[in-house]
Amino acid sequence: MASTPSTFYAPGRWLPTLVLFLTCGLLQAADLPPDPNTAIWSKVRIALFQDRPIADSAEQFITFTLPARAEDAAVVPIRIAARIAQQSGRFIKTLYLVIDNNPSPVAAVFHLTPAAGRADLETRVRIEAYSYVRAVVETNDGKLYMTRHFIKASGGCSAPAGTDPAAAQQGLGKMKLILEDAPQMNKPSLVQLMIRHPNTSGLAVDQITHLSAPPRYIRHIDVRYAGEPVMQADVDFSVSENPNFRFYFTPRSKGDLVASAEDTSDMVFKTTLVVLPQ
């Protein structure tokens, strides 16, 4: 069943919640106090992690980069770069991306494996209101660490689509994998995954009809190399139109890099790239 804009992720399932209680005061505020313990985050934290301790020191594992003020709130670049290698003995298992004041705060949950070699990730997100953006990492020993940045941006989730709806439907689900450099055997290789999809939030109002298109967005991504999982992600409409992800995988033999994506209409899209490492 398709998720609605008023849901957020919890381990194992999407939990319904009245996230739109955020409205009026918080979402319409011209500015927000730089308070890392907002009421919204407190609720999301409990839903995701219950009472598990979270150390405020994710910087020892990652660097988290995003602009202080967005040029376009509907397309905000985010980069997460690991400070540790993905190795079987010690690696980042899960990475949670939380945007406190978005209508659906949990933008993405990335599941990573040592097969990636590096836990670096880049994507583009929508920001609806001035907000803290948080990266919470879970290491393979079950410990949690968090870092956060405050961003000034507004209207990203409710902004109209950047492409014509008819054209968007024609290209719906087209996917492409692009290697950034020639892959080297047993070395992390950077790859880009591009998906043609409007990622409709359901919050944008057509200025002519005054109606909103129903929400429809990519909700799950699975990337494997030679049959082994590299990266999986549960994502939301907080990810920008035409989702784009950059991440690593480590080729240890010749094989196929396969990416699949499922949207909230239960449509599955797939692409394959043959990799011939040197």
Protein backbone atom coordinates (compact mmCIF):
# COMPACT_ATOMS: atom_id res chain seq x y z
CA MET A 1 0.00 0.00 0.00
CA ALA A 2 1.35 3.43 -0.87
CA SER A 3 2.65 5.60 1.93
CA THR A 4 1.16 9.04 2.44
CA PRO A 5 2.94 12.33 3.13
CA SER A 6 2.02 12.00 6.80
CA THR A 7 4.26 9.01 7.49
CA PHE A 8 7.74 8.46 8.73
CA TYR A 9 10.06 5.50 8.82
CA ALA A 10 10.63 3.19 11.73
CA PRO A 11 12.66 -0.02 11.59
CA GLY A 12 10.76 -2.65 9.65
CA ARG A 13 7.79 -0.57 8.50
CA TRP A 14 6.35 2.87 7.75
CA LEU A 15 4.50 4.20 10.81
CA PRO A 16 1.53 6.55 10.38
CA THR A 17 1.82 9.73 12.38
CA LEU A 18 0.23 13.12 12.55
CA VAL A 19 3.38 14.84 11.35
CA LEU A 20 1.33 17.69 9.96
CA PHE A 21 0.86 18.90 13.53
CA LEU A 22 3.97 20.88 12.54
CA THR A 23 1.88 23.34 10.60
CA CYS A 24 1.22 27.01 11.15
CA GLY A 25 3.70 28.11 13.82
CA LEU A 26 6.65 25.89 12.96
CA LEU A 27 6.28 25.54 9.22
CA GLN A 28 5.43 29.19 8.73
CA ALA A 29 8.11 30.59 11.02
CA ALA A 30 10.47 33.09 9.42
CA ASP A 31 13.26 31.67 11.52
CA LEU A 32 13.77 28.85 13.98
CA PRO A 33 15.89 28.94 17.11
CA PRO A 34 19.01 26.77 16.75
CA ASP A 35 17.67 24.20 19.21
CA PRO A 36 18.94 20.66 18.52
CA ASN A 37 16.25 19.13 20.75
CA THR A 38 13.09 20.22 18.95
CA ALA A 39 9.77 18.62 19.79
CA ILE A 40 9.64 17.11 16.32
CA TRP A 41 13.06 15.48 16.58
CA SER A 42 12.16 14.10 20.00
CA LYS A 43 9.17 12.25 18.52
CA VAL A 44 11.13 11.03 15.48
CA ARG A 45 13.98 9.88 17.73
CA ILE A 46 11.66 7.74 19.83
CA ALA A 47 9.97 6.24 16.75
CA LEU A 48 13.30 5.33 15.14
CA PHE A 49 15.51 4.44 18.08
CA GLN A 50 13.30 4.13 21.16
CA ASP A 51 15.51 4.78 24.20
CA ARG A 52 18.83 3.77 22.61
CA PRO A 53 21.63 6.23 23.41
CA ILE A 54 22.89 8.45 20.57
CA ALA A 55 26.36 9.95 20.90
CA ASP A 56 26.63 13.50 19.59
CA SER A 57 29.83 12.76 17.69
CA ALA A 58 29.12 11.35 14.23
CA GLU A 59 32.00 13.49 12.92
CA GLN A 60 34.40 10.75 13.97
CA PHE A 61 32.74 8.57 11.31
CA ILE A 62 31.46 11.02 8.69
CA THR A 63 31.59 14.56 7.39
CA PHE A 64 28.17 15.98 6.60
CA THR A 65 28.00 18.81 4.07
CA LEU A 66 25.07 20.96 2.98
CA PRO A 67 24.61 24.70 2.34
CA ALA A 68 23.78 27.07 5.17
CA ARG A 69 21.19 28.72 2.91
CA ALA A 70 19.65 26.94 -0.07
CA GLU A 71 19.68 28.51 -3.52
CA ASP A 72 16.70 26.29 -4.44
CA ALA A 73 14.80 24.67 -1.58
CA ALA A 74 13.50 21.95 -3.92
CA VAL A 75 17.01 20.84 -4.92
CA VAL A 76 19.40 20.99 -1.97
CA PRO A 77 22.65 19.04 -2.38
CA ILE A 78 23.76 16.90 0.55
CA ARG A 79 27.04 15.03 0.84
CA ILE A 80 27.97 12.49 3.50
CA ALA A 81 31.58 11.31 3.40
CA ALA A 82 32.88 8.50 5.60
CA ARG A 83 36.03 8.88 7.66
CA ILE A 84 36.38 5.11 8.01
CA ALA A 85 36.63 2.40 5.37
CA GLN A 86 33.80 -0.11 5.02
CA GLN A 87 35.49 -3.27 6.26
CA SER A 88 33.98 -6.44 7.64
CA GLY A 89 35.31 -5.77 11.13
CA ARG A 90 34.09 -2.19 11.35
CA PHE A 91 31.65 -0.40 9.10
CA ILE A 92 28.68 1.93 8.94
CA LYS A 93 25.62 -0.29 8.79
CA THR A 94 22.82 2.27 8.50
CA LEU A 95 22.62 5.99 7.86
CA TYR A 96 19.48 7.96 8.72
CA LEU A 97 18.84 11.34 7.10
CA VAL A 98 16.31 13.41 9.09
CA ILE A 99 14.96 16.85 8.17
CA ASP A 100 13.19 18.00 11.32
CA ASN A 101 10.68 20.47 9.87
CA ASN A 102 9.75 18.66 6.68
CA PRO A 103 6.17 17.32 6.56
CA SER A 104 7.71 13.83 6.57
CA PRO A 105 10.92 14.24 8.58
CA VAL A 106 12.71 10.99 7.72
CA ALA A 107 14.02 11.72 4.24
CA ALA A 108 16.01 8.52 3.77
CA VAL A 109 17.38 5.48 5.53
CA PHE A 110 20.43 3.99 3.78
CA HIS A 111 21.49 0.41 4.50
CA LEU A 112 25.17 -0.12 3.71
CA THR A 113 27.55 -3.09 3.57
CA PRO A 114 31.31 -3.64 3.48
CA ALA A 115 30.89 -4.35 -0.26
CA ALA A 116 30.69 -0.59 -0.80
CA GLY A 117 34.26 -0.03 0.34
CA ARG A 118 33.32 3.51 1.36
CA ALA A 119 30.15 4.82 2.97
CA ASP A 120 30.10 8.08 1.01
CA LEU A 121 26.69 9.23 -0.26
CA GLU A 122 25.42 12.23 -2.18
CA THR A 123 21.85 13.15 -3.07
CA ARG A 124 19.50 16.14 -3.41
CA VAL A 125 16.61 16.88 -1.06
CA ARG A 126 13.66 19.20 -0.58
CA ILE A 127 13.53 21.49 2.47
CA GLU A 128 10.12 22.86 3.42
CA ALA A 129 11.10 25.19 6.28
CA TYR A 130 14.14 26.43 8.20
CA SER A 131 15.30 23.28 9.90
CA TYR A 132 17.97 21.13 11.40
CA VAL A 133 19.10 18.35 9.08
CA ARG A 134 20.52 15.35 10.93
CA ALA A 135 22.69 12.44 9.92
CA VAL A 136 22.54 9.54 12.35
CA VAL A 137 24.90 6.64 11.70
CA GLU A 138 24.65 3.16 13.15
CA THR A 139 27.85 1.12 13.17
CA ASN A 140 27.93 -2.66 12.86
CA ASP A 141 28.30 -2.99 16.64
CA GLY A 142 24.90 -1.33 17.09
CA LYS A 143 26.10 2.05 18.37
CA LEU A 144 24.47 5.31 17.22
CA TYR A 145 26.14 8.65 16.49
CA MET A 146 24.60 11.91 15.28
CA THR A 147 25.71 15.13 13.62
CA ARG A 148 23.46 17.99 12.50
CA HIS A 149 23.43 21.21 10.51
CA PHE A 150 20.92 24.06 10.41
CA ILE A 151 19.74 25.19 6.96
CA LYS A 152 17.75 28.22 5.86
CA ALA A 153 15.34 27.18 3.12
CA SER A 154 11.59 27.11 2.61
CA GLY A 155 8.92 25.82 0.28
CA GLY A 156 10.84 22.92 -1.23
CA CYS A 157 8.25 20.20 -0.59
CA SER A 158 5.33 22.32 -1.77
CA ALA A 159 7.10 23.80 -4.82
CA PRO A 160 5.60 22.97 -8.24
CA ALA A 161 7.33 20.37 -10.38
CA GLY A 162 10.29 21.56 -12.39
CA THR A 163 9.26 19.59 -15.48
CA ASP A 164 6.04 19.34 -17.49
CA PRO A 165 3.85 16.58 -15.98
CA ALA A 166 3.18 15.00 -19.38
CA ALA A 167 6.89 14.87 -20.19
CA ALA A 168 7.60 13.48 -16.73
CA GLN A 169 5.15 10.63 -17.32
CA GLN A 170 6.74 9.76 -20.65
CA GLY A 171 10.14 9.34 -19.05
CA LEU A 172 8.85 7.79 -15.83
CA GLY A 173 11.15 5.14 -14.41
CA LYS A 174 14.06 5.54 -16.80
CA MET A 175 17.25 4.75 -14.89
CA LYS A 176 20.94 5.05 -15.60
CA LEU A 177 24.12 4.00 -13.82
CA ILE A 178 27.30 5.92 -14.65
CA LEU A 179 30.80 5.06 -13.44
CA GLU A 180 32.75 8.19 -12.56
CA ASP A 181 36.12 6.60 -13.42
CA ALA A 182 37.47 3.35 -14.84
CA PRO A 183 36.83 0.73 -12.13
CA GLN A 184 39.84 -0.83 -10.44
CA MET A 185 39.80 -4.34 -9.01
CA ASN A 186 39.40 -4.38 -5.20
CA LYS A 187 39.20 -0.57 -5.00
CA PRO A 188 36.09 1.50 -4.20
CA SER A 189 34.53 2.87 -7.40
CA LEU A 190 32.24 5.89 -7.48
CA VAL A 191 28.96 5.41 -9.35
CA GLN A 192 25.98 7.66 -10.01
CA LEU A 193 22.39 6.42 -10.14
CA MET A 194 19.87 8.64 -11.93
CA ILE A 195 16.12 7.97 -11.87
CA ARG A 196 13.52 9.82 -13.94
CA HIS A 197 10.61 10.27 -11.57
CA PRO A 198 8.62 13.36 -10.48
CA ASN A 199 8.70 12.23 -6.83
CA THR A 200 5.43 14.06 -6.30
CA SER A 201 4.92 15.10 -2.69
CA GLY A 202 1.18 15.75 -2.88
CA LEU A 203 1.74 19.19 -1.37
CA ALA A 204 2.24 21.28 -4.52
CA VAL A 205 -0.89 23.18 -5.63
CA ASP A 206 -1.48 23.80 -9.34
CA GLN A 207 -1.86 27.57 -9.81
CA ILE A 208 -4.55 27.10 -12.49
CA THR A 209 -6.69 24.26 -11.13
CA HIS A 210 -5.86 24.91 -7.45
CA LEU A 211 -5.62 21.14 -7.04
CA SER A 212 -2.74 19.01 -5.81
CA ALA A 213 -1.45 16.00 -7.69
CA PRO A 214 -1.62 12.85 -5.55
CA PRO A 215 1.66 11.83 -3.92
CA ARG A 216 3.80 9.42 -5.91
CA TYR A 217 7.46 8.96 -5.21
CA ILE A 218 10.30 6.46 -5.14
CA ARG A 219 10.17 4.63 -1.81
CA HIS A 220 12.80 1.88 -2.07
CA ILE A 221 16.12 1.43 -3.88
CA ASP A 222 18.25 -1.71 -4.08
CA VAL A 223 21.74 -1.83 -5.61
CA ARG A 224 23.73 -5.06 -5.95
CA TYR A 225 27.01 -6.03 -7.55
CA ALA A 226 27.54 -9.60 -8.74
CA GLY A 227 24.48 -10.51 -6.69
CA GLU A 228 25.82 -9.06 -3.43
CA PRO A 229 24.06 -6.09 -1.77
CA VAL A 230 25.90 -2.77 -1.97
CA MET A 231 23.31 -0.20 -0.89
CA GLN A 232 19.61 -0.25 -0.09
CA ALA A 233 17.54 2.79 0.76
CA ASP A 234 14.06 3.55 2.05
CA VAL A 235 13.35 7.06 0.79
CA ASP A 236 10.57 9.62 0.85
CA PHE A 237 9.32 12.59 -1.15
CA SER A 238 11.88 14.71 0.69
CA VAL A 239 14.27 13.42 -1.98
CA SER A 240 14.13 15.81 -4.93
CA GLU A 241 12.41 15.29 -8.27
CA ASN A 242 14.37 12.95 -10.54
CA PRO A 243 16.28 11.29 -7.67
CA ASN A 244 20.04 11.19 -8.03
CA PHE A 245 22.46 9.26 -5.83
CA ARG A 246 26.24 8.96 -5.84
CA PHE A 247 27.84 6.14 -3.85
CA TYR A 248 30.63 3.56 -3.93
CA PHE A 249 30.97 -0.13 -4.61
CA THR A 250 34.07 -2.34 -4.70
CA PRO A 251 34.42 -4.72 -7.69
CA ARG A 252 36.28 -7.90 -6.74
CA SER A 253 35.57 -9.61 -10.06
CA LYS A 254 33.80 -8.92 -13.32
CA GLY A 255 30.07 -8.63 -12.81
CA ASP A 256 26.84 -6.71 -13.23
CA LEU A 257 25.89 -3.69 -11.17
CA VAL A 258 22.11 -3.86 -10.88
CA ALA A 259 19.88 -1.12 -9.49
CA SER A 260 16.13 -1.38 -8.93
CA ALA A 261 13.67 1.20 -7.63
CA GLU A 262 10.08 0.84 -6.44
CA ASP A 263 7.62 3.71 -6.19
CA THR A 264 4.46 4.19 -4.13
CA SER A 265 2.33 2.95 -7.02
CA ASP A 266 4.13 -0.41 -6.70
CA MET A 267 5.90 0.06 -10.03
CA VAL A 268 9.42 -1.38 -10.16
CA PHE A 269 12.14 0.02 -12.42
CA LYS A 270 15.49 -1.58 -13.11
CA THR A 271 18.81 -0.94 -14.84
CA THR A 272 22.02 -2.96 -15.25
CA LEU A 273 25.61 -1.93 -15.92
CA VAL A 274 28.28 -4.47 -16.90
CA VAL A 275 31.49 -3.74 -14.97
CA LEU A 276 34.89 -4.79 -16.28
CA PRO A 277 37.39 -3.76 -13.61
CA GLN A 278 41.05 -3.43 -14.56
